[in-house]
Amino acid sequence: MSISGNRYLSMAEMKINAYEIWERLFAEGWTINAVAGVLGNMQSESSINPGIWESLDAGNLNGGYSLVQWTPASKYIDWANARGQDPSQLETALDRIVWEVENDVQWGYSAFGEPPPYDFYTFTQSMEAPSVLAMYFIRFYERPADVNQPWRGTQADFWYEYLTGEEPPNPPDPPISRKKMPIYMMLRPF
């Protein structure tokens, strides 16, 4: 049974919710890599708590709310209420994320105007390293003013290892860039 409330969860409580999130999103066809990437962000956003308000400011509909801190909170709460669902429940928050994937909502250009490397559905199917996917999620889904939050990648790796019992795959090394020598340098006498 998931844990929800307007408070920060302990690691033991986060693990309970993380496992339920993994079960649901796996059933929706997500890879463990993508789930871990999202969990790395949820840990920072909400302590993986579907009932938490941004800064614990209960009822502030202009602030963030729930697992990914939908902002304004009214965007998510109105959506849940229109469907007769309790917005503080884990299942409702996961229904919203699945709905966003199916309707290509929320995922898009970063706050800096760069396009995502692929659409939201493709993200859910990715086998890239969890740490890489966590960085995509913060940049193209969460879109905060400061995307330089490498701990979210570290947290994603933690969740991958927790859920699989295996070390997470490493991100690939960046390709070696070999710049061509300008022609005038080749023609220059020694």
N, C-alpha and C. Protein backbone atom coordinates (compact mmCIF):
# COMPACT_ATOMS: atom_id res chain seq x y z
N MET A 1 0.85 -1.18 0.00
CA MET A 1 0.00 0.00 0.00
C MET A 1 0.89 1.24 0.00
N SER A 2 0.61 2.16 -0.88
CA SER A 2 1.43 3.36 -1.02
C SER A 2 1.23 4.31 0.15
N ILE A 3 2.19 5.21 0.30
CA ILE A 3 2.19 6.17 1.39
C ILE A 3 2.02 7.56 0.81
N SER A 4 1.13 8.35 1.41
CA SER A 4 0.83 9.69 0.90
C SER A 4 0.50 10.61 2.06
N GLY A 5 0.92 11.87 1.94
CA GLY A 5 0.61 12.87 2.94
C GLY A 5 1.45 14.10 2.71
N ASN A 6 1.12 15.18 3.34
CA ASN A 6 1.86 16.43 3.15
C ASN A 6 3.07 16.47 4.09
N ARG A 7 4.02 15.61 3.78
CA ARG A 7 5.27 15.52 4.55
C ARG A 7 6.31 14.83 3.68
N TYR A 8 7.57 14.95 4.09
CA TYR A 8 8.64 14.28 3.37
C TYR A 8 8.71 12.84 3.85
N LEU A 9 8.90 11.92 2.91
CA LEU A 9 8.95 10.51 3.26
C LEU A 9 10.35 10.08 3.65
N SER A 10 10.43 9.08 4.49
CA SER A 10 11.72 8.45 4.83
C SER A 10 12.14 7.59 3.64
N MET A 11 13.38 7.15 3.66
CA MET A 11 13.87 6.28 2.58
C MET A 11 13.06 4.98 2.55
N ALA A 12 12.74 4.43 3.70
CA ALA A 12 11.94 3.19 3.74
C ALA A 12 10.58 3.41 3.08
N GLU A 13 9.97 4.55 3.33
CA GLU A 13 8.66 4.86 2.74
C GLU A 13 8.81 5.12 1.23
N MET A 14 9.87 5.82 0.84
CA MET A 14 10.10 6.05 -0.60
C MET A 14 10.25 4.73 -1.34
N LYS A 15 10.92 3.76 -0.71
CA LYS A 15 11.12 2.45 -1.35
C LYS A 15 9.78 1.75 -1.59
N ILE A 16 8.86 1.87 -0.66
CA ILE A 16 7.53 1.26 -0.84
C ILE A 16 6.85 1.87 -2.06
N ASN A 17 6.83 3.21 -2.13
CA ASN A 17 6.18 3.87 -3.26
C ASN A 17 6.92 3.61 -4.56
N ALA A 18 8.25 3.60 -4.52
CA ALA A 18 9.04 3.36 -5.73
C ALA A 18 8.71 1.99 -6.33
N TYR A 19 8.57 0.99 -5.47
CA TYR A 19 8.26 -0.34 -5.97
C TYR A 19 6.88 -0.36 -6.64
N GLU A 20 5.91 0.32 -6.04
CA GLU A 20 4.58 0.37 -6.66
C GLU A 20 4.61 1.12 -7.99
N ILE A 21 5.40 2.18 -8.05
CA ILE A 21 5.55 2.93 -9.31
C ILE A 21 6.16 2.03 -10.37
N TRP A 22 7.21 1.29 -10.00
CA TRP A 22 7.84 0.37 -10.94
C TRP A 22 6.84 -0.67 -11.44
N GLU A 23 6.08 -1.27 -10.54
CA GLU A 23 5.10 -2.28 -10.96
C GLU A 23 4.10 -1.72 -11.97
N ARG A 24 3.58 -0.53 -11.69
CA ARG A 24 2.58 0.07 -12.57
C ARG A 24 3.17 0.46 -13.92
N LEU A 25 4.30 1.16 -13.90
CA LEU A 25 4.86 1.62 -15.17
C LEU A 25 5.42 0.46 -15.99
N PHE A 26 5.93 -0.58 -15.33
CA PHE A 26 6.36 -1.78 -16.06
C PHE A 26 5.15 -2.40 -16.77
N ALA A 27 4.02 -2.44 -16.09
CA ALA A 27 2.80 -2.98 -16.71
C ALA A 27 2.37 -2.14 -17.91
N GLU A 28 2.76 -0.86 -17.92
CA GLU A 28 2.46 0.03 -19.05
C GLU A 28 3.51 -0.08 -20.16
N GLY A 29 4.54 -0.91 -19.93
CA GLY A 29 5.55 -1.13 -20.96
C GLY A 29 6.83 -0.31 -20.82
N TRP A 30 6.97 0.41 -19.71
CA TRP A 30 8.18 1.20 -19.49
C TRP A 30 9.38 0.29 -19.18
N THR A 31 10.57 0.75 -19.56
CA THR A 31 11.79 0.04 -19.17
C THR A 31 12.15 0.42 -17.74
N ILE A 32 12.91 -0.44 -17.09
CA ILE A 32 13.39 -0.12 -15.74
C ILE A 32 14.28 1.12 -15.79
N ASN A 33 15.01 1.32 -16.89
CA ASN A 33 15.89 2.48 -17.03
C ASN A 33 15.07 3.77 -16.96
N ALA A 34 13.96 3.80 -17.70
CA ALA A 34 13.11 5.00 -17.72
C ALA A 34 12.46 5.23 -16.36
N VAL A 35 11.99 4.16 -15.75
CA VAL A 35 11.36 4.29 -14.42
C VAL A 35 12.38 4.83 -13.42
N ALA A 36 13.58 4.30 -13.45
CA ALA A 36 14.62 4.77 -12.53
C ALA A 36 14.95 6.24 -12.78
N GLY A 37 14.99 6.64 -14.04
CA GLY A 37 15.24 8.04 -14.37
C GLY A 37 14.17 8.95 -13.80
N VAL A 38 12.93 8.52 -13.89
CA VAL A 38 11.81 9.30 -13.34
C VAL A 38 11.86 9.29 -11.80
N LEU A 39 12.16 8.15 -11.21
CA LEU A 39 12.25 8.07 -9.75
C LEU A 39 13.35 8.98 -9.21
N GLY A 40 14.46 9.08 -9.93
CA GLY A 40 15.53 9.99 -9.51
C GLY A 40 15.06 11.42 -9.43
N ASN A 41 14.14 11.79 -10.31
CA ASN A 41 13.55 13.13 -10.27
C ASN A 41 12.48 13.23 -9.20
N MET A 42 11.63 12.23 -9.09
CA MET A 42 10.57 12.25 -8.08
C MET A 42 11.15 12.35 -6.67
N GLN A 43 12.30 11.72 -6.45
CA GLN A 43 12.91 11.80 -5.13
C GLN A 43 13.21 13.25 -4.77
N SER A 44 13.73 14.01 -5.73
CA SER A 44 14.03 15.42 -5.47
C SER A 44 12.78 16.29 -5.44
N GLU A 45 11.82 15.97 -6.29
CA GLU A 45 10.61 16.80 -6.39
C GLU A 45 9.68 16.62 -5.20
N SER A 46 9.48 15.36 -4.76
CA SER A 46 8.41 15.09 -3.80
C SER A 46 8.73 14.06 -2.74
N SER A 47 9.94 13.58 -2.69
CA SER A 47 10.32 12.41 -1.87
C SER A 47 9.41 11.22 -2.23
N ILE A 48 9.07 11.15 -3.51
CA ILE A 48 8.23 10.08 -4.09
C ILE A 48 6.90 9.98 -3.34
N ASN A 49 6.34 11.12 -3.05
CA ASN A 49 5.12 11.23 -2.25
C ASN A 49 4.01 11.87 -3.09
N PRO A 50 2.93 11.15 -3.38
CA PRO A 50 1.86 11.71 -4.21
C PRO A 50 0.99 12.75 -3.51
N GLY A 51 1.13 12.90 -2.19
CA GLY A 51 0.27 13.83 -1.47
C GLY A 51 0.99 15.05 -0.92
N ILE A 52 2.17 15.35 -1.43
CA ILE A 52 2.95 16.46 -0.88
C ILE A 52 2.76 17.74 -1.69
N TRP A 53 2.65 18.84 -0.97
CA TRP A 53 2.56 20.17 -1.57
C TRP A 53 3.95 20.80 -1.58
N GLU A 54 4.23 21.61 -2.58
CA GLU A 54 5.50 22.32 -2.66
C GLU A 54 5.72 23.13 -1.39
N SER A 55 6.89 22.97 -0.79
CA SER A 55 7.26 23.64 0.47
C SER A 55 6.28 23.33 1.60
N LEU A 56 5.54 22.24 1.48
CA LEU A 56 4.53 21.79 2.46
C LEU A 56 3.43 22.84 2.67
N ASP A 57 3.22 23.69 1.67
CA ASP A 57 2.22 24.76 1.72
C ASP A 57 0.89 24.21 1.21
N ALA A 58 0.20 23.47 2.06
CA ALA A 58 -1.04 22.79 1.70
C ALA A 58 -2.08 23.76 1.16
N GLY A 59 -2.67 23.39 0.03
CA GLY A 59 -3.73 24.17 -0.57
C GLY A 59 -3.27 25.28 -1.51
N ASN A 60 -1.97 25.49 -1.65
CA ASN A 60 -1.47 26.52 -2.56
C ASN A 60 -1.56 26.01 -3.99
N LEU A 61 -2.66 26.32 -4.65
CA LEU A 61 -2.91 25.82 -6.00
C LEU A 61 -1.98 26.42 -7.04
N ASN A 62 -1.24 27.47 -6.70
CA ASN A 62 -0.28 28.05 -7.64
C ASN A 62 1.08 27.38 -7.55
N GLY A 63 1.34 26.66 -6.46
CA GLY A 63 2.60 25.95 -6.28
C GLY A 63 2.52 24.57 -6.90
N GLY A 64 3.50 23.75 -6.60
CA GLY A 64 3.54 22.39 -7.12
C GLY A 64 2.84 21.41 -6.20
N TYR A 65 2.48 20.25 -6.76
CA TYR A 65 1.80 19.22 -5.98
C TYR A 65 2.07 17.85 -6.57
N SER A 66 2.21 16.87 -5.71
CA SER A 66 2.27 15.45 -6.01
C SER A 66 3.66 15.00 -6.47
N LEU A 67 3.71 13.82 -7.07
CA LEU A 67 4.96 13.13 -7.39
C LEU A 67 5.96 13.98 -8.16
N VAL A 68 5.50 14.66 -9.19
CA VAL A 68 6.40 15.45 -10.04
C VAL A 68 6.18 16.94 -9.84
N GLN A 69 5.44 17.28 -8.79
CA GLN A 69 5.16 18.67 -8.44
C GLN A 69 4.56 19.43 -9.63
N TRP A 70 3.42 18.92 -10.11
CA TRP A 70 2.72 19.61 -11.20
C TRP A 70 2.45 21.04 -10.76
N THR A 71 2.81 21.98 -11.60
CA THR A 71 2.67 23.40 -11.29
C THR A 71 1.98 24.11 -12.45
N PRO A 72 0.93 24.83 -12.18
CA PRO A 72 0.28 24.98 -10.88
C PRO A 72 -0.42 23.69 -10.48
N ALA A 73 -0.56 23.50 -9.20
CA ALA A 73 -1.18 22.28 -8.67
C ALA A 73 -2.58 22.08 -9.23
N SER A 74 -3.27 23.18 -9.51
CA SER A 74 -4.64 23.09 -10.03
C SER A 74 -4.70 22.32 -11.35
N LYS A 75 -3.62 22.37 -12.14
CA LYS A 75 -3.60 21.64 -13.43
C LYS A 75 -3.83 20.15 -13.19
N TYR A 76 -3.13 19.59 -12.24
CA TYR A 76 -3.26 18.18 -11.93
C TYR A 76 -4.52 17.89 -11.11
N ILE A 77 -4.78 18.70 -10.10
CA ILE A 77 -5.93 18.45 -9.22
C ILE A 77 -7.24 18.55 -10.00
N ASP A 78 -7.38 19.54 -10.86
CA ASP A 78 -8.59 19.66 -11.69
C ASP A 78 -8.74 18.45 -12.60
N TRP A 79 -7.63 18.00 -13.18
CA TRP A 79 -7.65 16.82 -14.05
C TRP A 79 -8.15 15.60 -13.27
N ALA A 80 -7.61 15.38 -12.07
CA ALA A 80 -8.00 14.24 -11.25
C ALA A 80 -9.46 14.33 -10.82
N ASN A 81 -9.87 15.50 -10.35
CA ASN A 81 -11.25 15.68 -9.91
C ASN A 81 -12.25 15.46 -11.04
N ALA A 82 -11.91 15.89 -12.25
CA ALA A 82 -12.80 15.70 -13.40
C ALA A 82 -13.00 14.21 -13.71
N ARG A 83 -12.08 13.39 -13.28
CA ARG A 83 -12.18 11.94 -13.50
C ARG A 83 -12.68 11.20 -12.27
N GLY A 84 -13.04 11.96 -11.24
CA GLY A 84 -13.53 11.35 -10.02
C GLY A 84 -12.46 10.62 -9.23
N GLN A 85 -11.20 11.06 -9.37
CA GLN A 85 -10.09 10.40 -8.69
C GLN A 85 -9.54 11.31 -7.59
N ASP A 86 -8.98 10.68 -6.58
CA ASP A 86 -8.37 11.41 -5.46
C ASP A 86 -6.95 11.81 -5.87
N PRO A 87 -6.66 13.11 -5.99
CA PRO A 87 -5.34 13.54 -6.46
C PRO A 87 -4.20 13.19 -5.50
N SER A 88 -4.50 12.85 -4.26
CA SER A 88 -3.43 12.52 -3.31
C SER A 88 -2.98 11.06 -3.40
N GLN A 89 -3.63 10.28 -4.24
CA GLN A 89 -3.32 8.85 -4.33
C GLN A 89 -2.27 8.57 -5.41
N LEU A 90 -1.41 7.64 -5.14
CA LEU A 90 -0.35 7.25 -6.06
C LEU A 90 -0.92 6.82 -7.40
N GLU A 91 -1.96 6.02 -7.36
CA GLU A 91 -2.57 5.52 -8.60
C GLU A 91 -3.04 6.66 -9.49
N THR A 92 -3.60 7.71 -8.91
CA THR A 92 -4.06 8.86 -9.69
C THR A 92 -2.89 9.57 -10.33
N ALA A 93 -1.82 9.79 -9.58
CA ALA A 93 -0.64 10.46 -10.13
C ALA A 93 -0.04 9.64 -11.27
N LEU A 94 -0.02 8.34 -11.12
CA LEU A 94 0.50 7.48 -12.20
C LEU A 94 -0.43 7.48 -13.40
N ASP A 95 -1.74 7.50 -13.15
CA ASP A 95 -2.69 7.63 -14.25
C ASP A 95 -2.41 8.91 -15.04
N ARG A 96 -2.10 9.99 -14.35
CA ARG A 96 -1.82 11.26 -15.02
C ARG A 96 -0.56 11.14 -15.87
N ILE A 97 0.49 10.53 -15.34
CA ILE A 97 1.73 10.39 -16.12
C ILE A 97 1.48 9.53 -17.35
N VAL A 98 0.77 8.44 -17.20
CA VAL A 98 0.44 7.58 -18.35
C VAL A 98 -0.38 8.37 -19.37
N TRP A 99 -1.34 9.15 -18.89
CA TRP A 99 -2.16 10.00 -19.77
C TRP A 99 -1.28 10.99 -20.52
N GLU A 100 -0.31 11.57 -19.82
CA GLU A 100 0.59 12.53 -20.47
C GLU A 100 1.40 11.87 -21.59
N VAL A 101 1.85 10.64 -21.35
CA VAL A 101 2.58 9.92 -22.40
C VAL A 101 1.66 9.66 -23.59
N GLU A 102 0.46 9.15 -23.31
CA GLU A 102 -0.48 8.81 -24.38
C GLU A 102 -0.92 10.03 -25.18
N ASN A 103 -0.97 11.19 -24.55
CA ASN A 103 -1.44 12.41 -25.20
C ASN A 103 -0.31 13.39 -25.54
N ASP A 104 0.92 12.93 -25.37
CA ASP A 104 2.10 13.73 -25.67
C ASP A 104 2.01 15.12 -25.02
N VAL A 105 1.73 15.10 -23.71
CA VAL A 105 1.58 16.32 -22.92
C VAL A 105 2.74 16.41 -21.93
N GLN A 106 3.20 17.59 -21.67
CA GLN A 106 4.19 17.93 -20.67
C GLN A 106 5.62 17.77 -21.18
N TRP A 107 5.90 16.75 -21.95
CA TRP A 107 7.25 16.51 -22.48
C TRP A 107 7.46 17.43 -23.67
N GLY A 108 8.55 18.15 -23.69
CA GLY A 108 8.79 19.03 -24.83
C GLY A 108 10.05 19.84 -24.69
N TYR A 109 10.09 20.94 -25.40
CA TYR A 109 11.27 21.79 -25.43
C TYR A 109 11.71 22.17 -24.02
N SER A 110 13.02 22.24 -23.82
CA SER A 110 13.55 22.63 -22.52
C SER A 110 13.26 24.11 -22.27
N ALA A 111 13.54 24.54 -21.07
CA ALA A 111 13.37 25.95 -20.73
C ALA A 111 14.30 26.84 -21.55
N PHE A 112 15.28 26.22 -22.20
CA PHE A 112 16.26 26.96 -23.01
C PHE A 112 15.96 26.84 -24.50
N GLY A 113 14.83 26.24 -24.84
CA GLY A 113 14.42 26.15 -26.24
C GLY A 113 15.00 25.00 -27.03
N GLU A 114 15.68 24.07 -26.37
CA GLU A 114 16.23 22.94 -27.12
C GLU A 114 15.20 21.81 -27.20
N PRO A 115 15.11 21.15 -28.35
CA PRO A 115 14.14 20.06 -28.48
C PRO A 115 14.64 18.80 -27.77
N PRO A 116 13.71 17.98 -27.29
CA PRO A 116 14.12 16.71 -26.68
C PRO A 116 14.69 15.77 -27.75
N PRO A 117 15.51 14.81 -27.33
CA PRO A 117 16.10 13.88 -28.31
C PRO A 117 15.06 12.94 -28.92
N TYR A 118 13.93 12.78 -28.25
CA TYR A 118 12.85 11.94 -28.75
C TYR A 118 11.57 12.26 -28.00
N ASP A 119 10.45 11.67 -28.44
CA ASP A 119 9.16 11.97 -27.80
C ASP A 119 9.04 11.23 -26.46
N PHE A 120 7.99 11.55 -25.74
CA PHE A 120 7.80 11.00 -24.39
C PHE A 120 7.65 9.48 -24.43
N TYR A 121 6.91 8.96 -25.39
CA TYR A 121 6.74 7.51 -25.47
C TYR A 121 8.09 6.82 -25.67
N THR A 122 8.91 7.35 -26.54
CA THR A 122 10.22 6.77 -26.80
C THR A 122 11.07 6.82 -25.53
N PHE A 123 10.95 7.88 -24.76
CA PHE A 123 11.63 7.96 -23.46
C PHE A 123 11.26 6.76 -22.60
N THR A 124 9.99 6.39 -22.55
CA THR A 124 9.54 5.29 -21.70
C THR A 124 10.11 3.95 -22.14
N GLN A 125 10.56 3.87 -23.39
CA GLN A 125 11.09 2.63 -23.95
C GLN A 125 12.61 2.58 -23.96
N SER A 126 13.24 3.65 -23.52
CA SER A 126 14.69 3.79 -23.66
C SER A 126 15.47 2.84 -22.77
N MET A 127 16.59 2.38 -23.33
CA MET A 127 17.53 1.54 -22.59
C MET A 127 18.80 2.33 -22.25
N GLU A 128 18.75 3.66 -22.44
CA GLU A 128 19.90 4.47 -22.05
C GLU A 128 20.08 4.37 -20.54
N ALA A 129 21.24 4.75 -20.07
CA ALA A 129 21.55 4.68 -18.64
C ALA A 129 20.53 5.50 -17.84
N PRO A 130 20.11 4.99 -16.67
CA PRO A 130 19.16 5.73 -15.84
C PRO A 130 19.60 7.16 -15.54
N SER A 131 20.88 7.35 -15.32
CA SER A 131 21.38 8.70 -15.02
C SER A 131 21.17 9.64 -16.20
N VAL A 132 21.34 9.13 -17.40
CA VAL A 132 21.10 9.95 -18.61
C VAL A 132 19.62 10.27 -18.73
N LEU A 133 18.77 9.28 -18.50
CA LEU A 133 17.34 9.49 -18.60
C LEU A 133 16.84 10.45 -17.52
N ALA A 134 17.45 10.42 -16.35
CA ALA A 134 17.08 11.39 -15.30
C ALA A 134 17.38 12.80 -15.77
N MET A 135 18.49 12.99 -16.47
CA MET A 135 18.84 14.32 -16.96
C MET A 135 17.90 14.76 -18.09
N TYR A 136 17.46 13.82 -18.92
CA TYR A 136 16.45 14.15 -19.94
C TYR A 136 15.14 14.56 -19.26
N PHE A 137 14.76 13.82 -18.22
CA PHE A 137 13.49 14.09 -17.56
C PHE A 137 13.48 15.47 -16.91
N ILE A 138 14.55 15.83 -16.26
CA ILE A 138 14.58 17.16 -15.64
C ILE A 138 14.56 18.25 -16.72
N ARG A 139 15.25 18.02 -17.82
CA ARG A 139 15.38 19.05 -18.86
C ARG A 139 14.12 19.18 -19.71
N PHE A 140 13.48 18.06 -20.06
CA PHE A 140 12.38 18.10 -21.03
C PHE A 140 10.99 17.83 -20.44
N TYR A 141 10.95 17.52 -19.15
CA TYR A 141 9.67 17.32 -18.47
C TYR A 141 9.51 18.31 -17.31
N GLU A 142 10.43 18.27 -16.38
CA GLU A 142 10.35 19.16 -15.21
C GLU A 142 10.63 20.61 -15.61
N ARG A 143 11.66 20.83 -16.39
CA ARG A 143 12.06 22.14 -16.94
C ARG A 143 12.24 23.25 -15.89
N PRO A 144 13.04 23.00 -14.84
CA PRO A 144 13.31 24.08 -13.88
C PRO A 144 14.28 25.10 -14.47
N ALA A 145 14.41 26.22 -13.80
CA ALA A 145 15.37 27.24 -14.25
C ALA A 145 16.80 26.72 -14.16
N ASP A 146 17.07 25.89 -13.15
CA ASP A 146 18.41 25.32 -12.98
C ASP A 146 18.35 23.81 -13.23
N VAL A 147 18.81 23.39 -14.40
CA VAL A 147 18.81 21.96 -14.72
C VAL A 147 20.10 21.28 -14.29
N ASN A 148 21.03 22.02 -13.78
CA ASN A 148 22.30 21.46 -13.34
C ASN A 148 22.12 20.82 -11.96
N GLN A 149 21.52 19.64 -11.96
CA GLN A 149 21.24 18.91 -10.73
C GLN A 149 21.68 17.45 -10.91
N PRO A 150 23.00 17.22 -10.98
CA PRO A 150 23.49 15.87 -11.27
C PRO A 150 23.09 14.82 -10.25
N TRP A 151 22.73 15.23 -9.04
CA TRP A 151 22.32 14.25 -8.03
C TRP A 151 21.08 13.49 -8.47
N ARG A 152 20.29 14.07 -9.35
CA ARG A 152 19.11 13.33 -9.83
C ARG A 152 19.54 12.09 -10.62
N GLY A 153 20.63 12.20 -11.35
CA GLY A 153 21.18 11.04 -12.04
C GLY A 153 21.70 10.00 -11.07
N THR A 154 22.36 10.45 -10.02
CA THR A 154 22.85 9.54 -8.97
C THR A 154 21.67 8.84 -8.30
N GLN A 155 20.62 9.58 -8.04
CA GLN A 155 19.42 8.99 -7.44
C GLN A 155 18.78 7.98 -8.39
N ALA A 156 18.77 8.27 -9.69
CA ALA A 156 18.22 7.33 -10.67
C ALA A 156 19.00 6.02 -10.64
N ASP A 157 20.33 6.13 -10.56
CA ASP A 157 21.16 4.92 -10.48
C ASP A 157 20.83 4.13 -9.22
N PHE A 158 20.61 4.84 -8.11
CA PHE A 158 20.24 4.16 -6.86
C PHE A 158 18.94 3.37 -7.06
N TRP A 159 17.94 4.00 -7.67
CA TRP A 159 16.65 3.32 -7.83
C TRP A 159 16.75 2.14 -8.78
N TYR A 160 17.58 2.27 -9.80
CA TYR A 160 17.81 1.14 -10.71
C TYR A 160 18.38 -0.04 -9.92
N GLU A 161 19.42 0.24 -9.14
CA GLU A 161 20.06 -0.83 -8.37
C GLU A 161 19.10 -1.40 -7.32
N TYR A 162 18.32 -0.53 -6.67
CA TYR A 162 17.37 -1.01 -5.67
C TYR A 162 16.33 -1.94 -6.31
N LEU A 163 15.81 -1.59 -7.45
CA LEU A 163 14.74 -2.36 -8.07
C LEU A 163 15.23 -3.60 -8.80
N THR A 164 16.46 -3.59 -9.29
CA THR A 164 16.95 -4.74 -10.05
C THR A 164 17.95 -5.59 -9.29
N GLY A 165 18.60 -5.01 -8.28
CA GLY A 165 19.66 -5.73 -7.59
C GLY A 165 20.96 -5.74 -8.38
N GLU A 166 21.02 -4.98 -9.44
CA GLU A 166 22.21 -4.93 -10.30
C GLU A 166 22.72 -3.50 -10.39
N GLU A 167 24.01 -3.38 -10.70
CA GLU A 167 24.56 -2.05 -10.92
C GLU A 167 23.96 -1.47 -12.20
N PRO A 168 23.70 -0.17 -12.20
CA PRO A 168 23.13 0.44 -13.41
C PRO A 168 24.15 0.47 -14.54
N PRO A 169 23.65 0.43 -15.77
CA PRO A 169 24.57 0.55 -16.90
C PRO A 169 25.19 1.94 -16.92
N ASN A 170 26.42 2.00 -17.34
CA ASN A 170 27.10 3.30 -17.44
C ASN A 170 26.68 4.00 -18.71
N PRO A 171 26.64 5.33 -18.65
CA PRO A 171 26.37 6.06 -19.90
C PRO A 171 27.55 5.87 -20.85
N PRO A 172 27.30 5.90 -22.14
CA PRO A 172 28.41 5.74 -23.08
C PRO A 172 29.36 6.92 -23.00
N ASP A 173 30.62 6.64 -23.28
CA ASP A 173 31.59 7.73 -23.34
C ASP A 173 31.25 8.62 -24.52
N PRO A 174 31.46 9.93 -24.36
CA PRO A 174 31.20 10.80 -25.50
C PRO A 174 32.18 10.49 -26.63
N PRO A 175 31.73 10.65 -27.86
CA PRO A 175 32.64 10.35 -28.98
C PRO A 175 33.83 11.31 -28.96
N ILE A 176 34.96 10.79 -29.42
CA ILE A 176 36.15 11.63 -29.51
C ILE A 176 36.00 12.50 -30.74
N SER A 177 36.14 13.78 -30.52
CA SER A 177 35.99 14.73 -31.61
C SER A 177 37.37 14.99 -32.22
N ARG A 178 37.49 14.69 -33.47
CA ARG A 178 38.74 14.96 -34.17
C ARG A 178 38.46 16.07 -35.17
N LYS A 179 38.99 17.22 -34.83
CA LYS A 179 38.81 18.36 -35.73
C LYS A 179 39.79 18.26 -36.87
N LYS A 180 39.34 18.64 -38.01
CA LYS A 180 40.23 18.64 -39.17
C LYS A 180 41.19 19.81 -39.07
N MET A 181 42.39 19.55 -39.50
CA MET A 181 43.39 20.60 -39.51
C MET A 181 43.10 21.53 -40.67
N PRO A 182 43.11 22.83 -40.40
CA PRO A 182 42.88 23.76 -41.50
C PRO A 182 43.96 23.61 -42.57
N ILE A 183 43.57 23.80 -43.81
CA ILE A 183 44.48 23.60 -44.94
C ILE A 183 45.72 24.48 -44.85
N TYR A 184 45.54 25.71 -44.31
CA TYR A 184 46.71 26.59 -44.23
C TYR A 184 47.77 26.04 -43.26
N MET A 185 47.34 25.25 -42.26
CA MET A 185 48.29 24.65 -41.34
C MET A 185 49.07 23.53 -42.01
N MET A 186 48.40 22.81 -42.91
CA MET A 186 49.09 21.73 -43.61
C MET A 186 50.11 22.27 -44.62
N LEU A 187 49.85 23.43 -45.14
CA LEU A 187 50.72 24.00 -46.15
C LEU A 187 51.83 24.85 -45.55
N ARG A 188 51.77 25.09 -44.29
CA ARG A 188 52.76 25.93 -43.61
C ARG A 188 54.12 25.21 -43.55
N PRO A 189 55.21 25.92 -43.87
CA PRO A 189 56.54 25.27 -43.79
C PRO A 189 56.92 25.05 -42.32
N PHE A 190 57.68 24.02 -42.10
CA PHE A 190 58.11 23.68 -40.74
C PHE A 190 59.16 24.61 -40.26
